[in-house]
Amino acid sequence: MLVDRDRPSDGREDLEAALVLHYSRLVRIAYVALPPEGDRHGRVLAAHAIVQRTLPGSGGRRRETTESGDSYAVLRAAVVRSVLRGGRAPRLLRQPYVWGLRLFPLGGGSEEMQVDAALRSVSTAARMAYVLLGVEDLDAEQTRELLTFAGAEDVPAAMAAAQQLLAEHPAEVLESSEFDPCTVRTRPTDLSRRRRRVRGVFGAGALALVVAVATAIAVGASGPDEANALTGGSAGADAASLAPVRVAADAWQTSARIDFGVWPARGAHSAGSP
């Protein structure tokens, strides 16, 4: 259970300061209550993501209010609501991205394993009620009101399951490192798969570069050829237009042209070939 120095402050603190002060506790609440399906790495990231988005205005969240106005209570209510929503659609939670590492809370003993197995057998609302009753020291009425405010489904059944868990497993176990997502050990991801993925990315990049260079070379090589072909065709047409032709002696009389091309031949060489 909590000692006095660990209790959240009852003053009207600034929400951001309260979040920093009680961050690890809020993350623990989210981690214990989140659905246990999948690996613990995903639960750790999801718990941190939920708490980091509890401040008003972050991620489109609207301001939560409580009668007491206690900043910690406001943040806790936001965490409870986000966890219950995430329990219905856990894949919709946007999680922090960790490259190349897997995060796991420190392992516990047999008692922690029994509590973890018991938590897996109940609903998200029941796990949240178990945390609120056992760790947060809320009474049954406060827990029921908070679950209802957060939109929990079948609150009476969740309360009954949580009280049964408390009778079988005291909540002090939740204070162990097994359920602390802020004190974690790291392991690398599948190194061989990462190596294959990196090689594939570099191979695809190299192939794209080769294709781009080959295309540029082909375009550069075809440009001068096309220009030469066009120039050669134009030169041939000009040469054909300048070649002399033989016309009738009286063509100049009926032609609209007045240049030398239609004048009759004169002089000593008029009988020769042009």
Protein backbone atom coordinates (compact mmCIF):
# COMPACT_ATOMS: atom_id res chain seq x y z
CA MET A 1 0.00 0.00 0.00
CA LEU A 2 0.99 3.64 -0.29
CA VAL A 3 2.83 5.47 2.42
CA ASP A 4 2.03 9.11 3.21
CA ARG A 5 4.87 10.58 1.20
CA ASP A 6 3.69 8.64 -1.88
CA ARG A 7 0.10 9.84 -1.69
CA PRO A 8 -0.98 12.15 -4.52
CA SER A 9 -1.29 15.76 -3.43
CA ASP A 10 -4.79 17.00 -2.68
CA GLY A 11 -3.95 20.58 -3.69
CA ARG A 12 -5.09 22.23 -6.90
CA GLU A 13 -1.76 21.79 -8.65
CA ASP A 14 -1.12 22.59 -12.22
CA LEU A 15 -2.08 19.55 -14.32
CA GLU A 16 1.26 19.39 -16.05
CA ALA A 17 3.16 19.46 -12.77
CA ALA A 18 0.84 16.80 -11.37
CA LEU A 19 1.45 14.63 -14.41
CA VAL A 20 5.21 14.81 -13.95
CA LEU A 21 4.94 14.20 -10.21
CA HIS A 22 2.64 11.17 -10.45
CA TYR A 23 3.61 9.90 -13.89
CA SER A 24 4.87 6.48 -12.80
CA ARG A 25 1.76 5.82 -10.72
CA LEU A 26 -0.60 6.74 -13.56
CA VAL A 27 1.34 4.53 -15.97
CA ARG A 28 1.11 1.62 -13.50
CA ILE A 29 -2.69 2.05 -13.30
CA ALA A 30 -2.95 1.95 -17.08
CA TYR A 31 -0.57 -1.00 -17.43
CA VAL A 32 -2.36 -3.24 -14.92
CA ALA A 33 -5.82 -2.53 -16.33
CA LEU A 34 -4.99 -2.79 -20.04
CA PRO A 35 -5.94 -6.03 -21.84
CA PRO A 36 -3.20 -8.64 -21.29
CA GLU A 37 -3.49 -10.04 -24.82
CA GLY A 38 -0.29 -9.80 -26.82
CA ASP A 39 3.15 -9.18 -25.36
CA ARG A 40 4.15 -6.99 -22.45
CA HIS A 41 6.18 -4.74 -24.72
CA GLY A 42 3.00 -3.51 -26.38
CA ARG A 43 1.29 -2.99 -23.02
CA VAL A 44 4.22 -0.93 -21.74
CA LEU A 45 4.11 1.36 -24.77
CA ALA A 46 0.32 1.63 -24.65
CA ALA A 47 0.35 2.57 -20.96
CA HIS A 48 2.89 5.33 -21.53
CA ALA A 49 0.96 6.60 -24.57
CA ILE A 50 -2.28 6.83 -22.58
CA VAL A 51 -0.74 8.80 -19.73
CA GLN A 52 1.17 11.14 -22.03
CA ARG A 53 -2.10 12.14 -23.71
CA THR A 54 -4.04 12.88 -20.52
CA LEU A 55 -3.34 16.61 -20.48
CA PRO A 56 -6.23 18.74 -21.83
CA GLY A 57 -5.73 19.64 -25.44
CA SER A 58 -3.27 16.82 -26.19
CA GLY A 59 -4.42 14.52 -28.95
CA GLY A 60 -7.76 16.30 -29.17
CA ARG A 61 -8.72 15.42 -25.60
CA ARG A 62 -11.29 17.70 -24.04
CA ARG A 63 -10.91 18.87 -20.43
CA GLU A 64 -12.10 16.43 -17.80
CA THR A 65 -13.63 17.87 -14.65
CA THR A 66 -14.26 16.54 -11.18
CA GLU A 67 -16.17 17.95 -8.26
CA SER A 68 -13.08 18.28 -6.10
CA GLY A 69 -10.92 19.87 -8.79
CA ASP A 70 -7.92 17.81 -7.61
CA SER A 71 -5.41 17.75 -10.47
CA TYR A 72 -4.38 14.18 -9.78
CA ALA A 73 -8.02 13.08 -9.75
CA VAL A 74 -8.56 14.80 -13.11
CA LEU A 75 -5.58 12.98 -14.63
CA ARG A 76 -6.58 9.66 -13.08
CA ALA A 77 -10.11 9.97 -14.47
CA ALA A 78 -8.65 10.66 -17.92
CA VAL A 79 -6.43 7.57 -17.65
CA VAL A 80 -9.35 5.38 -16.56
CA ARG A 81 -11.45 6.59 -19.45
CA SER A 82 -8.68 6.05 -22.01
CA VAL A 83 -7.93 2.55 -20.71
CA LEU A 84 -11.58 1.53 -20.91
CA ARG A 85 -11.82 2.86 -24.44
CA GLY A 86 -8.55 1.15 -25.35
CA GLY A 87 -9.86 -2.11 -23.91
CA ARG A 88 -12.61 -2.08 -26.52
CA ALA A 89 -10.26 -1.13 -29.37
CA PRO A 90 -6.63 -1.67 -28.24
CA ARG A 91 -5.20 -1.45 -31.76
CA LEU A 92 -6.46 2.12 -32.11
CA LEU A 93 -4.05 3.32 -29.43
CA ARG A 94 -1.19 5.30 -30.93
CA GLN A 95 1.96 4.11 -29.22
CA PRO A 96 5.47 5.55 -28.92
CA TYR A 97 7.85 3.96 -31.40
CA VAL A 98 10.93 2.18 -30.09
CA TRP A 99 13.48 1.20 -32.73
CA GLY A 100 15.38 -2.05 -32.26
CA LEU A 101 14.43 -2.72 -28.63
CA ARG A 102 11.79 -4.62 -26.68
CA LEU A 103 10.75 -3.34 -23.24
CA PHE A 104 9.63 -5.59 -20.38
CA PRO A 105 8.96 -4.91 -16.67
CA LEU A 106 11.25 -6.71 -14.25
CA GLY A 107 10.09 -10.22 -13.42
CA GLY A 108 8.44 -11.10 -10.13
CA GLY A 109 7.88 -14.23 -8.11
CA SER A 110 5.16 -16.85 -7.91
CA GLU A 111 2.72 -14.52 -6.18
CA GLU A 112 3.00 -11.98 -8.98
CA MET A 113 2.43 -14.73 -11.54
CA GLN A 114 -0.75 -15.80 -9.76
CA VAL A 115 -2.07 -12.23 -9.72
CA ASP A 116 -1.23 -11.81 -13.40
CA ALA A 117 -3.10 -15.00 -14.25
CA ALA A 118 -6.10 -13.85 -12.21
CA LEU A 119 -6.14 -10.46 -13.95
CA ARG A 120 -6.20 -12.17 -17.33
CA SER A 121 -9.43 -13.95 -16.42
CA VAL A 122 -11.50 -10.78 -15.80
CA SER A 123 -12.64 -7.83 -17.89
CA THR A 124 -10.85 -4.52 -18.33
CA ALA A 125 -13.40 -2.79 -16.10
CA ALA A 126 -12.84 -5.38 -13.37
CA ARG A 127 -9.06 -4.93 -13.55
CA MET A 128 -9.50 -1.17 -13.31
CA ALA A 129 -11.83 -1.55 -10.32
CA TYR A 130 -9.26 -3.83 -8.68
CA VAL A 131 -6.57 -1.16 -9.09
CA LEU A 132 -8.80 1.66 -7.87
CA LEU A 133 -9.95 -0.28 -4.82
CA GLY A 134 -6.64 -1.83 -3.86
CA VAL A 135 -3.95 0.62 -4.99
CA GLU A 136 -5.75 3.96 -5.08
CA ASP A 137 -7.63 3.25 -1.84
CA LEU A 138 -10.97 4.40 -3.26
CA ASP A 139 -14.06 3.00 -1.60
CA ALA A 140 -16.68 1.02 -3.49
CA GLU A 141 -18.92 4.03 -4.13
CA GLN A 142 -16.09 6.21 -5.45
CA THR A 143 -14.86 3.40 -7.67
CA ARG A 144 -18.35 2.77 -9.01
CA GLU A 145 -18.86 6.47 -9.78
CA LEU A 146 -15.50 6.76 -11.52
CA LEU A 147 -16.13 3.68 -13.67
CA THR A 148 -19.57 4.97 -14.60
CA PHE A 149 -18.17 8.41 -15.42
CA ALA A 150 -15.51 6.77 -17.62
CA GLY A 151 -18.13 4.81 -19.57
CA ALA A 152 -17.43 1.31 -18.24
CA GLU A 153 -19.81 -1.46 -19.24
CA ASP A 154 -21.57 -3.65 -16.65
CA VAL A 155 -20.16 -1.84 -13.62
CA PRO A 156 -21.88 -4.09 -11.00
CA ALA A 157 -20.27 -7.20 -12.49
CA ALA A 158 -16.90 -5.47 -12.65
CA MET A 159 -17.15 -4.43 -9.00
CA ALA A 160 -18.06 -7.95 -7.92
CA ALA A 161 -15.13 -9.45 -9.83
CA ALA A 162 -12.73 -6.86 -8.39
CA GLN A 163 -13.82 -7.52 -4.82
CA GLN A 164 -13.37 -11.24 -5.40
CA LEU A 165 -9.84 -10.56 -6.65
CA LEU A 166 -9.09 -8.48 -3.57
CA ALA A 167 -10.26 -11.29 -1.32
CA GLU A 168 -7.98 -13.79 -3.06
CA HIS A 169 -5.01 -11.57 -3.95
CA PRO A 170 -4.15 -8.51 -1.81
CA ALA A 171 -3.43 -5.48 -3.98
CA GLU A 172 0.00 -4.89 -2.39
CA VAL A 173 1.37 -7.25 -5.03
CA LEU A 174 0.69 -4.59 -7.66
CA GLU A 175 3.42 -2.43 -6.09
CA SER A 176 6.10 -4.94 -7.18
CA SER A 177 8.37 -4.47 -10.19
CA GLU A 178 6.33 -7.04 -12.14
CA PHE A 179 3.64 -4.39 -12.61
CA ASP A 180 5.90 -1.33 -12.96
CA PRO A 181 6.16 -0.28 -16.63
CA CYS A 182 8.54 2.57 -15.76
CA THR A 183 11.29 0.24 -14.53
CA VAL A 184 11.98 -2.01 -17.48
CA ARG A 185 14.66 -4.21 -18.95
CA THR A 186 15.47 -4.07 -22.63
CA ARG A 187 16.14 -6.77 -25.18
CA PRO A 188 17.00 -6.39 -28.86
CA THR A 189 14.48 -7.36 -31.47
CA ASP A 190 15.09 -10.26 -33.87
CA LEU A 191 18.56 -9.31 -35.11
CA SER A 192 18.59 -11.69 -38.08
CA ARG A 193 15.23 -10.42 -39.29
CA ARG A 194 16.38 -6.82 -38.86
CA ARG A 195 19.52 -7.60 -40.85
CA ARG A 196 17.50 -9.14 -43.67
CA ARG A 197 15.15 -6.17 -43.65
CA VAL A 198 18.04 -3.69 -43.82
CA ARG A 199 19.65 -5.64 -46.66
CA GLY A 200 16.33 -5.65 -48.50
CA VAL A 201 15.94 -1.90 -48.09
CA PHE A 202 19.47 -1.21 -49.32
CA GLY A 203 19.00 -3.62 -52.23
CA ALA A 204 15.79 -1.92 -53.29
CA GLY A 205 17.47 1.48 -53.01
CA ALA A 206 20.44 0.35 -55.11
CA LEU A 207 18.12 -1.09 -57.76
CA ALA A 208 16.16 2.15 -57.91
CA LEU A 209 19.42 4.11 -58.28
CA VAL A 210 20.60 1.87 -61.14
CA VAL A 211 17.28 2.25 -62.95
CA ALA A 212 17.39 6.03 -62.53
CA VAL A 213 20.98 6.27 -63.85
CA ALA A 214 20.22 3.97 -66.80
CA THR A 215 17.17 6.05 -67.69
CA ALA A 216 19.19 9.27 -67.55
CA ILE A 217 21.90 7.79 -69.77
CA ALA A 218 19.35 6.55 -72.29
CA VAL A 219 17.65 9.92 -72.47
CA GLY A 220 20.99 11.72 -72.87
CA ALA A 221 22.09 9.35 -75.63
CA SER A 222 18.88 9.64 -77.64
CA GLY A 223 18.89 13.46 -77.62
CA PRO A 224 21.81 14.12 -80.03
CA ASP A 225 20.72 11.34 -82.40
CA GLU A 226 17.29 12.80 -82.74
CA ALA A 227 18.79 16.25 -83.29
CA ASN A 228 21.15 14.90 -85.97
CA ALA A 229 18.30 13.16 -87.70
CA LEU A 230 16.27 16.33 -87.76
CA THR A 231 19.25 18.37 -88.98
CA GLY A 232 20.09 15.88 -91.70
CA GLY A 233 16.54 15.87 -93.01
CA SER A 234 16.45 19.65 -93.15
CA ALA A 235 19.80 19.83 -94.94
CA GLY A 236 18.61 17.34 -97.57
CA ALA A 237 15.50 19.39 -98.23
CA ASP A 238 17.55 22.58 -98.61
CA ALA A 239 19.94 20.88 -101.05
CA ALA A 240 17.05 19.61 -103.15
CA SER A 241 15.52 23.07 -103.31
CA LEU A 242 18.83 24.58 -104.58
CA ALA A 243 19.50 22.00 -107.31
CA PRO A 244 19.16 23.51 -110.87
CA VAL A 245 16.31 22.31 -113.07
CA ARG A 246 15.65 22.68 -116.83
CA VAL A 247 12.51 24.65 -117.71
CA ALA A 248 10.87 25.58 -120.99
CA ALA A 249 12.20 28.61 -122.82
CA ASP A 250 8.90 30.48 -122.55
CA ALA A 251 8.10 29.47 -118.96
CA TRP A 252 9.04 32.91 -117.75
CA GLN A 253 6.19 34.47 -119.69
CA THR A 254 3.47 32.54 -117.79
CA SER A 255 5.11 32.10 -114.41
CA ALA A 256 4.28 34.17 -111.37
CA ARG A 257 7.89 33.94 -110.30
CA ILE A 258 10.24 36.70 -111.40
CA ASP A 259 13.54 35.20 -110.30
CA PHE A 260 16.24 33.59 -112.46
CA GLY A 261 14.66 30.18 -112.06
CA VAL A 262 12.27 30.80 -114.99
CA TRP A 263 14.35 33.05 -117.27
CA PRO A 264 15.42 31.58 -120.59
CA ALA A 265 19.06 30.53 -120.89
CA ARG A 266 21.37 32.98 -122.73
CA GLY A 267 24.95 33.10 -123.71
CA ALA A 268 27.53 30.76 -125.13
CA HIS A 269 26.70 27.93 -122.78
CA SER A 270 22.94 28.03 -123.21
CA ALA A 271 22.97 24.82 -125.25
CA GLY A 272 25.02 22.90 -122.71
CA SER A 273 23.94 21.04 -119.61
CA PRO A 274 23.24 23.16 -116.57
